[in-house]
């Protein structure tokens, strides 16, 4: 059952990433989601992965090259306090998934820690 949920979530993530939303302005011009995000420079976290997606990518093994273990090993490392949210954020920056200033965003780092705790409780 857990495998089915994980597979379903990864398919949804891939679908969402490959199919950007389009919106129309009042004047009928189409704009893509990427243009909307680029125009919204006041909120840096809107350009980032959500904390959930960062943890999920780490869980799926996308951050192995940055030293983050995957699947059960990630959960065990977090339970043993060998991996923290800050470590995942650093790995996300190294993998060019997040901008470098994300590491100074304490709210984001705390949210990643919270998501790691949620993964621990679900396993």
Protein backbone atom coordinates (compact mmCIF):
# COMPACT_ATOMS: atom_id res chain seq x y z
CA UNK A 1 0.00 0.00 0.00
CA UNK A 2 2.83 2.41 0.87
CA UNK A 3 4.49 1.64 -2.45
CA UNK A 4 1.25 2.42 -4.28
CA UNK A 5 0.93 5.76 -2.50
CA UNK A 6 4.56 6.65 -3.18
CA UNK A 7 4.18 5.73 -6.85
CA UNK A 8 0.99 7.73 -7.12
CA UNK A 9 2.58 10.79 -5.57
CA UNK A 10 5.61 10.56 -7.85
CA UNK A 11 3.38 10.29 -10.93
CA UNK A 12 1.40 13.32 -9.79
CA UNK A 13 4.63 15.26 -9.22
CA UNK A 14 5.94 14.38 -12.66
CA UNK A 15 2.64 15.28 -14.28
CA UNK A 16 2.50 18.63 -12.49
CA UNK A 17 6.09 19.42 -13.44
CA UNK A 18 5.61 18.55 -17.11
CA UNK A 19 2.26 20.28 -17.56
CA UNK A 20 2.56 23.93 -16.51
CA UNK A 21 -0.67 25.78 -15.93
CA UNK A 22 -1.68 28.55 -18.26
CA UNK A 23 -3.78 31.54 -17.37
CA UNK A 24 -5.40 34.26 -19.42
CA UNK A 25 -5.12 37.92 -18.68
CA UNK A 26 -8.05 40.27 -18.90
CA UNK A 27 -6.98 41.18 -22.42
CA UNK A 28 -7.02 37.57 -23.64
CA UNK A 29 -3.24 37.09 -23.68
CA UNK A 30 -2.10 33.69 -22.43
CA UNK A 31 0.65 33.62 -19.84
CA UNK A 32 2.38 30.52 -18.54
CA UNK A 33 2.93 29.62 -14.92
CA UNK A 34 6.66 30.26 -15.37
CA UNK A 35 6.04 33.86 -16.44
CA UNK A 36 3.75 34.38 -13.47
CA UNK A 37 6.40 33.12 -11.06
CA UNK A 38 9.10 35.22 -12.68
CA UNK A 39 6.93 38.31 -12.30
CA UNK A 40 6.39 37.60 -8.60
CA UNK A 41 9.83 38.51 -7.28
CA UNK A 42 8.64 39.65 -3.87
CA UNK A 43 8.11 36.08 -2.67
CA UNK A 44 11.27 34.01 -3.23
CA UNK A 45 9.75 30.82 -1.87
CA UNK A 46 7.18 30.77 -4.68
CA UNK A 47 9.98 29.84 -7.09
CA UNK A 48 11.18 26.97 -4.90
CA UNK A 49 10.16 23.43 -4.38
CA UNK A 50 7.76 23.05 -1.52
CA UNK A 51 9.27 21.45 1.58
CA UNK A 52 7.12 18.38 0.94
CA UNK A 53 8.47 17.97 -2.58
CA UNK A 54 12.06 18.41 -1.41
CA UNK A 55 11.66 15.68 1.22
CA UNK A 56 9.81 13.47 -1.25
CA UNK A 57 12.58 13.85 -3.85
CA UNK A 58 15.14 12.98 -1.19
CA UNK A 59 13.07 9.95 -0.20
CA UNK A 60 12.88 8.83 -3.83
CA UNK A 61 16.68 9.02 -4.16
CA UNK A 62 17.04 12.16 -6.28
CA UNK A 63 19.52 13.62 -3.78
CA UNK A 64 21.81 10.58 -3.50
CA UNK A 65 24.62 12.36 -5.37
CA UNK A 66 24.51 15.01 -2.65
CA UNK A 67 24.90 12.43 0.14
CA UNK A 68 21.26 12.05 1.16
CA UNK A 69 20.19 8.41 1.61
CA UNK A 70 16.89 7.29 0.13
CA UNK A 71 13.79 5.41 1.27
CA UNK A 72 14.12 3.69 4.65
CA UNK A 73 17.73 4.80 5.05
CA UNK A 74 16.61 8.47 4.97
CA UNK A 75 13.98 7.83 7.61
CA UNK A 76 16.43 5.91 9.79
CA UNK A 77 19.07 8.61 9.44
CA UNK A 78 16.53 11.24 10.48
CA UNK A 79 15.37 9.16 13.45
CA UNK A 80 19.01 8.76 14.53
CA UNK A 81 19.39 12.54 14.10
CA UNK A 82 22.06 12.12 11.41
CA UNK A 83 19.97 14.00 8.82
CA UNK A 84 18.12 17.25 9.47
CA UNK A 85 16.04 19.57 7.34
CA UNK A 86 19.05 21.83 6.89
CA UNK A 87 20.94 18.92 5.29
CA UNK A 88 18.16 18.38 2.75
CA UNK A 89 18.05 22.09 1.96
CA UNK A 90 21.83 22.11 1.39
CA UNK A 91 21.48 19.07 -0.87
CA UNK A 92 18.67 20.78 -2.78
CA UNK A 93 20.90 23.81 -3.31
CA UNK A 94 23.79 21.61 -4.49
CA UNK A 95 21.42 19.83 -6.89
CA UNK A 96 20.32 23.25 -8.20
CA UNK A 97 16.74 22.63 -7.16
CA UNK A 98 16.72 25.58 -4.76
CA UNK A 99 18.35 29.02 -4.77
CA UNK A 100 21.24 29.50 -2.35
CA UNK A 101 19.33 31.96 -0.16
CA UNK A 102 16.88 29.21 0.81
CA UNK A 103 19.32 28.08 3.49
CA UNK A 104 18.81 31.35 5.36
CA UNK A 105 15.01 31.00 5.24
CA UNK A 106 14.35 29.53 8.69
CA UNK A 107 10.65 29.01 7.96
CA UNK A 108 11.49 26.85 4.95
CA UNK A 109 14.12 24.82 6.86
CA UNK A 110 11.65 24.30 9.72
CA UNK A 111 8.97 23.19 7.25
CA UNK A 112 11.41 20.63 5.78
CA UNK A 113 12.05 19.31 9.31
CA UNK A 114 8.29 19.06 9.84
CA UNK A 115 7.89 17.11 6.60
CA UNK A 116 10.69 14.74 7.64
CA UNK A 117 8.83 14.11 10.89
CA UNK A 118 5.66 13.39 8.90
CA UNK A 119 7.55 10.86 6.77
CA UNK A 120 8.80 9.21 9.96
CA UNK A 121 5.29 8.83 11.35
CA UNK A 122 3.89 7.44 8.09
CA UNK A 123 6.49 4.71 7.76
